[in-house]
Amino acid sequence: MTIRRSIVAGTGAYLPEKIVTNADLARIVDTSDEWIVERTGISERRMAADGETTSDLAVKASEAALAAAGIAASEIDLIVMATTTPDDTFPAAATHVQRRLGMTRGAAFDVQAVCSGFIYALNIADNFIKVGQAETVLVVGAETMSRLLDWTDRTTCVLFGDGAGALVLRAGQGQGTAQDRGVLSSHLYSDGRLRNLLYVDGGPSTTQTTGHLRMEGREVFKHAVTNISGAIMAALEANHLTAADIDWFVPHQANKRILDATARKIGLAPEKVVMTVARHGNTSAASIPLALHEAVADGRVKQNDLVLLEAMGGGFTWGSSLIRW
């Protein structure tokens, strides 16, 4: 018996031109390159230019993904875009991308799950394909996190960066086993009780302002390793696999210490971890597709490789996806 699978046809990414180093940040807040690197592994991050919007970044990443897939925008049935930093309160940033790509049919909408957004968006796109509602879906993660930062708070402003990544999913056929190419499974979770550990202190119906990002770093770290490890094990168990079967681990790029601790906990060799946090910082929903595209572009991820994705973000939200490339 054959089943529908969502197969990755192409990836793309875009980073703003402006590079902000730790030395640059040390000029505006009480911090240092040594302090930031020791605690986070971050050396630099990108920042969107004045007037450069989240959809600007998303369009460039999407164009690259479509080119890699060898398809035109007219072939897209659906755009699912993960972002915490849309251009407008409404309409959805995905509709800006739709218009600018020249896609005139189908649908486009945003998903808000903060740093877990890309995993959520990928799961939604996969389900649209599985039930036959779409043949080709563009999945985007794009953020301008610099617009949410309090530049007097050294515990948060050093962590985040801007960027966008995208991938194209196309319907294919599989046998329903872990040897199929495509998205094998996704596993989503949330716990609203932990909201106060990572949130933005503003919004349309509360302060009528954008607000600033606030975080209890130690508590987030503690929950991150536990929750992420649980989501990873759920993905492996659902597909009757072990950590030894994984070819590449592409995690949300939040903090090098979290990535190292998670890899150790599930027994993954360090050389299997795709890590871009040193150069990108935490780009929230954009971090997984940015890292994934880099590993595809430089030849690390190859056809039939087993690729594990995971993320955790404010809410709390967290999840994992397992893909046979």
Protein backbone atom coordinates (compact mmCIF):
# COMPACT_ATOMS: atom_id res chain seq x y z
CA MET A 1 0.00 0.00 0.00
CA THR A 2 1.33 3.43 -0.93
CA ILE A 3 0.79 6.65 1.02
CA ARG A 4 1.29 10.34 0.24
CA ARG A 5 4.55 11.80 1.48
CA SER A 6 5.79 15.41 1.57
CA ILE A 7 9.18 15.42 -0.15
CA VAL A 8 11.60 18.35 0.13
CA ALA A 9 12.20 19.70 -3.38
CA GLY A 10 14.42 22.67 -2.53
CA THR A 11 15.66 25.00 0.20
CA GLY A 12 16.62 28.66 0.36
CA ALA A 13 17.86 31.26 2.83
CA TYR A 14 18.55 34.94 3.20
CA LEU A 15 20.51 36.93 5.79
CA PRO A 16 20.55 40.74 6.00
CA GLU A 17 23.81 42.38 5.02
CA LYS A 18 24.51 44.09 8.35
CA ILE A 19 26.69 42.06 10.73
CA VAL A 20 26.59 42.94 14.44
CA THR A 21 29.53 41.53 16.39
CA ASN A 22 29.87 41.02 20.11
CA ALA A 23 32.32 43.92 20.14
CA ASP A 24 29.61 46.13 18.62
CA LEU A 25 27.22 45.18 21.41
CA ALA A 26 29.87 45.80 24.05
CA ARG A 27 29.80 49.45 23.02
CA ILE A 28 26.13 49.84 23.97
CA VAL A 29 25.61 47.46 26.92
CA ASP A 30 27.75 46.10 29.76
CA THR A 31 28.99 42.93 28.07
CA SER A 32 32.01 41.47 26.29
CA ASP A 33 32.83 39.01 23.56
CA GLU A 34 34.15 36.57 26.16
CA TRP A 35 30.97 36.80 28.27
CA ILE A 36 28.65 36.22 25.30
CA VAL A 37 30.65 33.39 23.72
CA GLU A 38 31.09 31.55 27.02
CA ARG A 39 27.35 31.60 27.80
CA THR A 40 25.83 31.27 24.33
CA GLY A 41 28.42 30.39 21.69
CA ILE A 42 27.35 33.43 19.66
CA SER A 43 30.01 35.63 18.03
CA GLU A 44 27.89 37.66 15.61
CA ARG A 45 24.39 38.03 14.23
CA ARG A 46 22.66 39.80 11.31
CA MET A 47 20.36 42.79 11.61
CA ALA A 48 17.77 43.98 9.12
CA ALA A 49 18.38 47.42 7.66
CA ASP A 50 16.08 50.34 8.40
CA GLY A 51 12.96 49.79 6.33
CA GLU A 52 13.80 46.13 5.63
CA THR A 53 10.82 44.04 6.71
CA THR A 54 10.26 40.43 7.65
CA SER A 55 8.49 39.82 4.35
CA ASP A 56 11.48 41.31 2.49
CA LEU A 57 13.68 38.62 4.02
CA ALA A 58 11.06 35.93 3.43
CA VAL A 59 10.65 36.77 -0.26
CA LYS A 60 14.38 36.43 -0.91
CA ALA A 61 14.59 33.10 0.92
CA SER A 62 11.47 31.87 -0.89
CA GLU A 63 12.81 32.85 -4.31
CA ALA A 64 15.98 30.89 -3.57
CA ALA A 65 13.97 27.82 -2.47
CA LEU A 66 11.78 27.93 -5.58
CA ALA A 67 14.85 28.24 -7.80
CA ALA A 68 16.46 25.25 -6.06
CA ALA A 69 13.26 23.24 -6.55
CA GLY A 70 13.05 24.29 -10.20
CA ILE A 71 9.45 25.43 -9.94
CA ALA A 72 7.55 28.65 -10.56
CA ALA A 73 5.45 30.52 -8.01
CA SER A 74 2.39 29.64 -10.11
CA GLU A 75 2.81 26.02 -9.04
CA ILE A 76 2.47 26.76 -5.29
CA ASP A 77 -0.83 25.76 -3.72
CA LEU A 78 -0.12 27.08 -0.23
CA ILE A 79 2.31 29.24 1.73
CA VAL A 80 2.69 28.57 5.46
CA MET A 81 4.91 31.17 7.08
CA ALA A 82 6.22 30.98 10.63
CA THR A 83 6.99 34.35 12.18
CA THR A 84 6.80 36.20 15.48
CA THR A 85 7.58 39.53 13.82
CA PRO A 86 5.10 40.11 10.96
CA ASP A 87 5.18 43.33 8.96
CA ASP A 88 1.68 44.25 10.17
CA THR A 89 -0.75 43.15 12.87
CA PHE A 90 -2.72 42.09 9.81
CA PRO A 91 -2.75 40.99 7.06
CA ALA A 92 -0.53 37.93 7.44
CA ALA A 93 3.06 38.37 6.29
CA ALA A 94 2.54 35.27 4.15
CA THR A 95 0.11 37.21 1.96
CA HIS A 96 2.81 39.83 1.31
CA VAL A 97 5.09 37.00 0.19
CA GLN A 98 2.30 35.55 -1.95
CA ARG A 99 1.74 38.87 -3.72
CA ARG A 100 5.41 39.57 -4.32
CA LEU A 101 6.14 36.09 -5.64
CA GLY A 102 3.28 36.47 -8.11
CA MET A 103 1.23 33.59 -6.68
CA THR A 104 -2.40 34.28 -7.56
CA ARG A 105 -4.18 31.14 -6.39
CA GLY A 106 -4.32 28.93 -3.33
CA ALA A 107 -3.85 30.32 0.17
CA ALA A 108 -1.25 31.89 2.43
CA PHE A 109 -1.22 32.33 6.20
CA ASP A 110 1.07 32.84 9.19
CA VAL A 111 1.79 30.52 12.11
CA GLN A 112 2.83 31.94 15.50
CA ALA A 113 4.71 29.51 17.71
CA VAL A 114 7.82 31.68 18.24
CA CYS A 115 11.04 29.65 17.92
CA SER A 116 9.06 26.45 17.31
CA GLY A 117 7.19 28.10 14.46
CA PHE A 118 9.00 26.37 11.63
CA ILE A 119 8.30 22.92 13.09
CA TYR A 120 4.62 23.86 13.45
CA ALA A 121 4.50 25.26 9.89
CA LEU A 122 6.20 22.16 8.47
CA ASN A 123 3.69 19.90 10.24
CA ILE A 124 0.75 21.91 8.90
CA ALA A 125 2.15 21.86 5.36
CA ASP A 126 2.78 18.13 5.59
CA ASN A 127 -0.80 17.50 6.69
CA PHE A 128 -2.20 19.55 3.79
CA ILE A 129 -0.24 17.35 1.40
CA LYS A 130 -1.10 14.09 3.18
CA VAL A 131 -4.87 14.68 2.94
CA GLY A 132 -4.66 15.81 -0.68
CA GLN A 133 -5.49 19.49 -0.18
CA ALA A 134 -2.15 20.61 -1.66
CA GLU A 135 0.47 19.25 -4.04
CA THR A 136 3.14 21.93 -3.57
CA VAL A 137 3.66 23.98 -0.40
CA LEU A 138 6.16 26.73 0.40
CA VAL A 139 7.15 26.67 4.09
CA VAL A 140 8.90 29.80 5.37
CA GLY A 141 10.47 30.87 8.66
CA ALA A 142 11.35 34.58 8.79
CA GLU A 143 12.08 37.01 11.61
CA THR A 144 13.28 40.50 12.41
CA MET A 145 13.85 39.78 16.09
CA SER A 146 15.95 42.93 16.43
CA ARG A 147 12.68 44.89 16.42
CA LEU A 148 11.57 43.21 19.68
CA LEU A 149 14.74 43.71 21.71
CA ASP A 150 15.39 45.95 24.68
CA TRP A 151 18.88 47.21 23.83
CA THR A 152 19.57 48.01 27.50
CA ASP A 153 19.05 44.37 28.57
CA ARG A 154 22.33 42.53 28.08
CA THR A 155 20.77 39.16 28.91
CA THR A 156 18.51 39.22 25.84
CA CYS A 157 19.79 41.70 23.26
CA VAL A 158 22.97 39.68 22.67
CA LEU A 159 21.06 36.52 21.77
CA PHE A 160 18.97 37.29 18.73
CA GLY A 161 19.39 38.01 15.05
CA ASP A 162 17.38 38.47 11.85
CA GLY A 163 17.03 36.19 8.84
CA ALA A 164 14.80 33.91 6.78
CA GLY A 165 14.79 30.38 5.45
CA ALA A 166 12.38 28.41 3.27
CA LEU A 167 11.75 25.03 1.76
CA VAL A 168 9.43 23.63 -0.89
CA LEU A 169 7.44 20.48 -0.19
CA ARG A 170 5.96 18.46 -3.06
CA ALA A 171 3.62 15.49 -2.89
CA GLY A 172 5.17 12.08 -3.55
CA GLN A 173 4.54 8.43 -2.81
CA GLY A 174 5.92 6.17 -0.11
CA GLN A 175 5.37 2.75 1.41
CA GLY A 176 4.65 4.03 4.90
CA THR A 177 8.03 3.06 6.34
CA ALA A 178 11.02 4.99 7.69
CA GLN A 179 12.80 4.29 4.39
CA ASP A 180 10.40 6.59 2.51
CA ARG A 181 11.71 9.91 1.31
CA GLY A 182 9.93 12.93 2.80
CA VAL A 183 8.54 14.04 6.15
CA LEU A 184 8.19 10.87 8.23
CA SER A 185 6.51 12.47 11.25
CA SER A 186 6.21 15.63 13.33
CA HIS A 187 5.46 15.98 17.03
CA LEU A 188 4.11 19.21 18.53
CA TYR A 189 3.71 20.30 22.16
CA SER A 190 2.93 23.36 24.26
CA ASP A 191 2.49 24.36 27.89
CA GLY A 192 0.90 27.76 28.46
CA ARG A 193 1.62 27.64 32.18
CA LEU A 194 5.25 28.59 31.42
CA ARG A 195 4.41 31.79 29.56
CA ASN A 196 6.17 34.09 32.02
CA LEU A 197 9.55 32.48 31.45
CA LEU A 198 9.78 33.76 27.86
CA TYR A 199 7.43 36.37 26.44
CA VAL A 200 7.04 39.86 24.97
CA ASP A 201 5.59 42.48 27.31
CA GLY A 202 3.25 44.08 24.80
CA GLY A 203 0.59 43.44 22.19
CA PRO A 204 -2.46 44.89 20.39
CA SER A 205 -5.04 43.96 23.05
CA THR A 206 -2.90 44.70 26.12
CA THR A 207 -0.56 47.64 25.69
CA GLN A 208 -1.28 48.55 22.06
CA THR A 209 2.50 48.47 21.55
CA THR A 210 4.94 45.91 20.18
CA GLY A 211 6.70 45.43 23.53
CA HIS A 212 10.09 43.92 24.32
CA LEU A 213 11.29 40.35 24.72
CA ARG A 214 11.70 39.16 28.33
CA MET A 215 13.28 35.90 29.44
CA GLU A 216 14.26 33.92 32.52
CA GLY A 217 17.35 32.36 30.97
CA ARG A 218 18.19 29.70 33.55
CA GLU A 219 14.64 28.37 33.69
CA VAL A 220 14.37 28.33 29.90
CA PHE A 221 17.61 26.34 29.66
CA LYS A 222 16.36 23.77 32.15
CA HIS A 223 13.07 23.19 30.36
CA ALA A 224 14.65 23.32 26.90
CA VAL A 225 16.93 20.31 27.30
CA THR A 226 14.19 18.19 28.90
CA ASN A 227 11.40 19.15 26.49
CA ILE A 228 13.49 18.95 23.34
CA SER A 229 14.91 15.55 24.29
CA GLY A 230 11.39 14.25 24.87
CA ALA A 231 10.21 15.47 21.46
CA ILE A 232 13.22 13.89 19.76
CA MET A 233 12.60 10.54 21.43
CA ALA A 234 8.94 10.71 20.36
CA ALA A 235 10.04 11.13 16.73
CA LEU A 236 12.49 8.24 16.92
CA GLU A 237 10.04 5.91 18.65
CA ALA A 238 7.23 6.74 16.20
CA ASN A 239 9.46 5.61 13.35
CA HIS A 240 11.11 2.66 15.14
CA LEU A 241 14.53 4.30 14.96
CA THR A 242 17.36 5.15 17.36
CA ALA A 243 19.75 8.09 17.61
CA ALA A 244 22.34 5.97 15.79
CA ASP A 245 20.15 6.08 12.68
CA ILE A 246 20.26 9.89 12.46
CA ASP A 247 22.57 11.30 9.79
CA TRP A 248 22.08 14.99 10.65
CA PHE A 249 20.62 16.83 13.62
CA VAL A 250 19.42 20.34 12.68
CA PRO A 251 18.23 21.99 15.90
CA HIS A 252 16.81 25.42 16.61
CA GLN A 253 19.88 27.62 17.05
CA ALA A 254 19.17 29.14 20.46
CA ASN A 255 22.30 28.58 22.50
CA LYS A 256 25.32 26.34 21.94
CA ARG A 257 25.15 25.00 25.49
CA ILE A 258 21.55 23.85 24.93
CA LEU A 259 22.50 22.18 21.65
CA ASP A 260 25.50 20.42 23.19
CA ALA A 261 23.51 19.25 26.22
CA THR A 262 20.66 17.94 24.05
CA ALA A 263 23.00 16.03 21.74
CA ARG A 264 24.70 14.43 24.74
CA LYS A 265 21.41 13.51 26.36
CA ILE A 266 20.10 11.63 23.33
CA GLY A 267 23.49 10.17 22.40
CA LEU A 268 24.20 12.03 19.16
CA ALA A 269 27.81 12.50 18.05
CA PRO A 270 28.84 16.19 17.89
CA GLU A 271 29.88 15.88 14.24
CA LYS A 272 26.26 15.12 13.30
CA VAL A 273 24.98 18.44 14.70
CA VAL A 274 24.48 21.29 12.22
CA MET A 275 25.34 24.44 14.16
CA THR A 276 25.11 28.04 12.88
CA VAL A 277 24.39 29.84 16.15
CA ALA A 278 27.89 31.36 16.30
CA ARG A 279 27.25 33.38 13.13
CA HIS A 280 23.47 33.80 13.15
CA GLY A 281 22.48 34.04 16.81
CA ASN A 282 18.92 33.00 17.63
CA THR A 283 16.75 33.85 14.62
CA SER A 284 13.64 32.26 16.16
CA ALA A 285 11.44 30.61 13.49
CA ALA A 286 14.10 31.24 10.84
CA SER A 287 16.90 29.35 12.58
CA ILE A 288 16.08 25.79 11.49
CA PRO A 289 15.57 26.55 7.78
CA LEU A 290 18.68 28.76 7.75
CA ALA A 291 20.81 25.98 9.24
CA LEU A 292 19.15 23.35 7.07
CA HIS A 293 19.80 25.29 3.88
CA GLU A 294 23.46 25.76 4.81
CA ALA A 295 23.91 22.03 5.33
CA VAL A 296 22.17 21.25 2.03
CA ALA A 297 24.10 23.90 0.11
CA ASP A 298 27.52 22.75 1.32
CA GLY A 299 26.77 19.12 0.54
CA ARG A 300 26.48 17.70 4.03
CA VAL A 301 22.80 16.74 3.69
CA LYS A 302 22.37 14.34 0.76
CA GLN A 303 19.49 12.37 -0.71
CA ASN A 304 18.21 9.59 1.58
CA ASP A 305 19.93 11.08 4.66
CA LEU A 306 17.80 10.99 7.81
CA VAL A 307 17.49 14.53 9.15
CA LEU A 308 16.12 15.38 12.61
CA LEU A 309 14.74 18.86 13.34
CA GLU A 310 13.74 20.23 16.74
CA ALA A 311 12.86 23.51 18.45
CA MET A 312 11.52 25.10 21.61
CA GLY A 313 10.12 28.59 21.98
CA GLY A 314 8.01 30.94 24.06
CA GLY A 315 4.61 29.76 25.11
CA PHE A 316 6.21 27.28 25.86
CA THR A 317 5.99 25.52 22.51
CA TRP A 318 8.27 22.75 21.30
CA GLY A 319 8.44 19.94 18.79
CA SER A 320 10.39 17.78 16.38
CA SER A 321 10.26 16.59 12.78
CA LEU A 322 11.99 13.68 11.10
CA ILE A 323 12.70 13.88 7.37
CA ARG A 324 14.20 11.37 4.94
CA TRP A 325 15.93 13.66 2.43
